[in-house]
C-alpha atoms as a PDB file:
ATOM      1  CA  MET A   1     102.714 111.400  90.824  1.00  0.00           C
ATOM      2  CA  LEU A   2     106.191 112.865  90.797  1.00  0.00           C
ATOM      3  CA  GLN A   3     106.231 116.573  90.012  1.00  0.00           C
ATOM      4  CA  VAL A   4     109.176 118.487  88.519  1.00  0.00           C
ATOM      5  CA  THR A   5     109.485 122.255  88.924  1.00  0.00           C
ATOM      6  CA  ASP A   6     110.410 124.605  86.096  1.00  0.00           C
ATOM      7  CA  ALA A   7     113.643 125.414  87.963  1.00  0.00           C
ATOM      8  CA  ALA A   8     114.566 121.708  87.968  1.00  0.00           C
ATOM      9  CA  LEU A   9     113.655 121.357  84.287  1.00  0.00           C
ATOM     10  CA  THR A  10     115.804 124.394  83.443  1.00  0.00           C
ATOM     11  CA  ARG A  11     118.764 122.850  85.292  1.00  0.00           C
ATOM     12  CA  LEU A  12     118.156 119.470  83.619  1.00  0.00           C
ATOM     13  CA  THR A  13     118.026 121.186  80.204  1.00  0.00           C
ATOM     14  CA  ALA A  14     121.453 122.735  80.868  1.00  0.00           C
ATOM     15  CA  LEU A  15     122.814 119.285  81.791  1.00  0.00           C
ATOM     16  CA  LEU A  16     121.245 117.789  78.678  1.00  0.00           C
ATOM     17  CA  ASP A  17     122.675 120.501  76.420  1.00  0.00           C
ATOM     18  CA  GLY A  18     126.165 119.842  77.758  1.00  0.00           C
ATOM     19  CA  SER A  19     126.059 116.082  77.202  1.00  0.00           C
ATOM     20  CA  GLU A  20     125.868 115.594  73.403  1.00  0.00           C
ATOM     21  CA  PRO A  21     122.424 113.964  73.272  1.00  0.00           C
ATOM     22  CA  GLY A  22     121.380 111.930  70.253  1.00  0.00           C
ATOM     23  CA  GLU A  23     118.228 112.668  68.272  1.00  0.00           C
ATOM     24  CA  GLY A  24     115.244 112.274  70.609  1.00  0.00           C
ATOM     25  CA  ASP A  25     117.366 111.697  73.709  1.00  0.00           C
ATOM     26  CA  CYS A  26     116.517 113.188  77.052  1.00  0.00           C
ATOM     27  CA  LEU A  27     117.763 112.518  80.562  1.00  0.00           C
ATOM     28  CA  ARG A  28     116.458 109.391  82.291  1.00  0.00           C
ATOM     29  CA  LEU A  29     116.127 109.335  86.066  1.00  0.00           C
ATOM     30  CA  THR A  30     117.437 105.993  87.274  1.00  0.00           C
ATOM     31  CA  GLN A  31     117.294 104.489  90.742  1.00  0.00           C
ATOM     32  CA  LYS A  32     120.312 102.391  91.664  1.00  0.00           C
ATOM     33  CA  GLU A  33     118.988 101.538  95.136  1.00  0.00           C
ATOM     34  CA  PRO A  34     116.498 103.212  97.481  1.00  0.00           C
ATOM     35  CA  GLY A  35     117.400 106.886  97.784  1.00  0.00           C
ATOM     36  CA  ASP A  36     120.263 106.651  95.261  1.00  0.00           C
ATOM     37  CA  PHE A  37     119.326 108.258  91.959  1.00  0.00           C
ATOM     38  CA  GLY A  38     121.266 109.028  88.812  1.00  0.00           C
ATOM     39  CA  LEU A  39     120.769 110.491  85.349  1.00  0.00           C
ATOM     40  CA  ALA A  40     121.575 108.898  81.989  1.00  0.00           C
ATOM     41  CA  LEU A  41     121.017 109.822  78.347  1.00  0.00           C
ATOM     42  CA  ASP A  42     118.198 107.769  76.848  1.00  0.00           C
ATOM     43  CA  ALA A  43     115.129 108.096  74.659  1.00  0.00           C
ATOM     44  CA  PRO A  44     111.696 108.078  76.299  1.00  0.00           C
ATOM     45  CA  ARG A  45     110.039 104.660  76.330  1.00  0.00           C
ATOM     46  CA  GLU A  46     106.436 103.534  76.335  1.00  0.00           C
ATOM     47  CA  GLY A  47     104.990 103.885  79.840  1.00  0.00           C
ATOM     48  CA  ASP A  48     107.474 106.570  80.940  1.00  0.00           C
ATOM     49  CA  ALA A  49     106.398 109.776  82.576  1.00  0.00           C
ATOM     50  CA  VAL A  50     108.029 112.440  80.393  1.00  0.00           C
ATOM     51  CA  PHE A  51     108.611 115.987  81.611  1.00  0.00           C
ATOM     52  CA  ALA A  52     109.135 118.728  79.036  1.00  0.00           C
ATOM     53  CA  LEU A  53     110.211 122.347  78.983  1.00  0.00           C
ATOM     54  CA  GLU A  54     109.222 124.531  76.033  1.00  0.00           C
ATOM     55  CA  ALA A  55     108.009 121.498  74.037  1.00  0.00           C
ATOM     56  CA  ARG A  56     111.339 119.656  74.488  1.00  0.00           C
ATOM     57  CA  ASP A  57     111.417 116.315  76.319  1.00  0.00           C
ATOM     58  CA  VAL A  58     113.918 116.805  79.124  1.00  0.00           C
ATOM     59  CA  LEU A  59     113.336 114.022  81.671  1.00  0.00           C
ATOM     60  CA  ALA A  60     111.954 110.480  81.409  1.00  0.00           C
ATOM     61  CA  VAL A  61     111.065 108.393  84.456  1.00  0.00           C
ATOM     62  CA  ASP A  62     109.940 104.771  84.271  1.00  0.00           C
ATOM     63  CA  GLU A  63     106.731 103.690  86.004  1.00  0.00           C
ATOM     64  CA  ALA A  64     108.395 101.911  88.931  1.00  0.00           C
ATOM     65  CA  THR A  65     110.707 104.809  89.779  1.00  0.00           C
ATOM     66  CA  CYS A  66     107.856 107.286  89.359  1.00  0.00           C
ATOM     67  CA  ALA A  67     105.637 105.232  91.679  1.00  0.00           C
ATOM     68  CA  GLY A  68     108.369 105.257  94.327  1.00  0.00           C
ATOM     69  CA  LEU A  69     108.473 109.058  94.132  1.00  0.00           C
ATOM     70  CA  ASP A  70     104.700 109.447  94.161  1.00  0.00           C
ATOM     71  CA  ASP A  71     104.610 112.203  96.777  1.00  0.00           C
ATOM     72  CA  ALA A  72     107.807 114.011  95.752  1.00  0.00           C
ATOM     73  CA  ILE A  73     108.693 117.179  93.905  1.00  0.00           C
ATOM     74  CA  MET A  74     112.030 117.433  92.069  1.00  0.00           C
ATOM     75  CA  ASP A  75     113.405 120.931  92.528  1.00  0.00           C
ATOM     76  CA  VAL A  76     116.651 122.854  92.774  1.00  0.00           C
ATOM     77  CA  VAL A  77     117.636 122.842  96.447  1.00  0.00           C
ATOM     78  CA  ASP A  78     120.498 124.452  98.344  1.00  0.00           C
ATOM     79  CA  GLY A  79     123.255 122.024  99.280  1.00  0.00           C
ATOM     80  CA  ASP A  80     126.720 122.247 100.817  1.00  0.00           C
ATOM     81  CA  GLY A  81     128.255 122.673  97.359  1.00  0.00           C
ATOM     82  CA  GLY A  82     125.605 125.127  96.157  1.00  0.00           C
ATOM     83  CA  PRO A  83     122.340 124.543  94.313  1.00  0.00           C
ATOM     84  CA  ARG A  84     121.640 120.964  93.189  1.00  0.00           C
ATOM     85  CA  LEU A  85     118.724 118.813  92.122  1.00  0.00           C
ATOM     86  CA  GLY A  86     116.839 117.203  94.975  1.00  0.00           C
ATOM     87  CA  PHE A  87     113.482 115.884  96.076  1.00  0.00           C
ATOM     88  CA  LEU A  88     111.036 117.551  98.430  1.00  0.00           C
ATOM     89  CA  PRO A  89     107.960 115.912  99.896  1.00  0.00           C
ATOM     90  CA  GLN A  90     104.828 117.567  98.488  1.00  0.00           C
ATOM     91  CA  ASP A  91     103.635 118.673 101.933  1.00  0.00           C
ATOM     92  CA  LEU A  92     106.946 120.471 102.605  1.00  0.00           C
ATOM     93  CA  ALA A  93     106.826 122.201  99.221  1.00  0.00           C
ATOM     94  CA  THR A  94     103.222 123.245  99.852  1.00  0.00           C
ATOM     95  CA  GLU A  95     104.197 124.744 103.217  1.00  0.00           C
ATOM     96  CA  ALA A  96     107.066 126.686 101.599  1.00  0.00           C
ATOM     97  CA  GLU A  97     104.770 128.054  98.899  1.00  0.00           C
ATOM     98  CA  ALA A  98     102.214 129.085 101.504  1.00  0.00           C
ATOM     99  CA  SER A  99     104.798 130.916 103.612  1.00  0.00           C
ATOM    100  CA  GLU A 100     106.188 132.694 100.532  1.00  0.00           C
ATOM    101  CA  GLY A 101     102.705 133.775  99.488  1.00  0.00           C
ATOM    102  CA  GLY A 102     101.744 134.879 102.968  1.00  0.00           C
ATOM    103  CA  SER A 103     104.532 137.410 103.497  1.00  0.00           C
END
């Protein structure tokens, strides 16, 4: 199942706070085409995987999108324009955690 780090949830919460959400809205991860993801304001729906931070629903992902990201971790990653949300394969994230813990 898709995993979302606390750092990613914190960044998503900041995006949510700046977007005038309605009552019960969170961000929905949408997939436009393979590898092309976006975020939209929406309320969680039945069957969604919902990720929360401090008891607040922050991110909803439908079953099909979640299944396509089965071995991924959403995290804040370094990009050309600075930190951004991205996906890491679980084995890569596990290796990074092991090297951080082993120093």
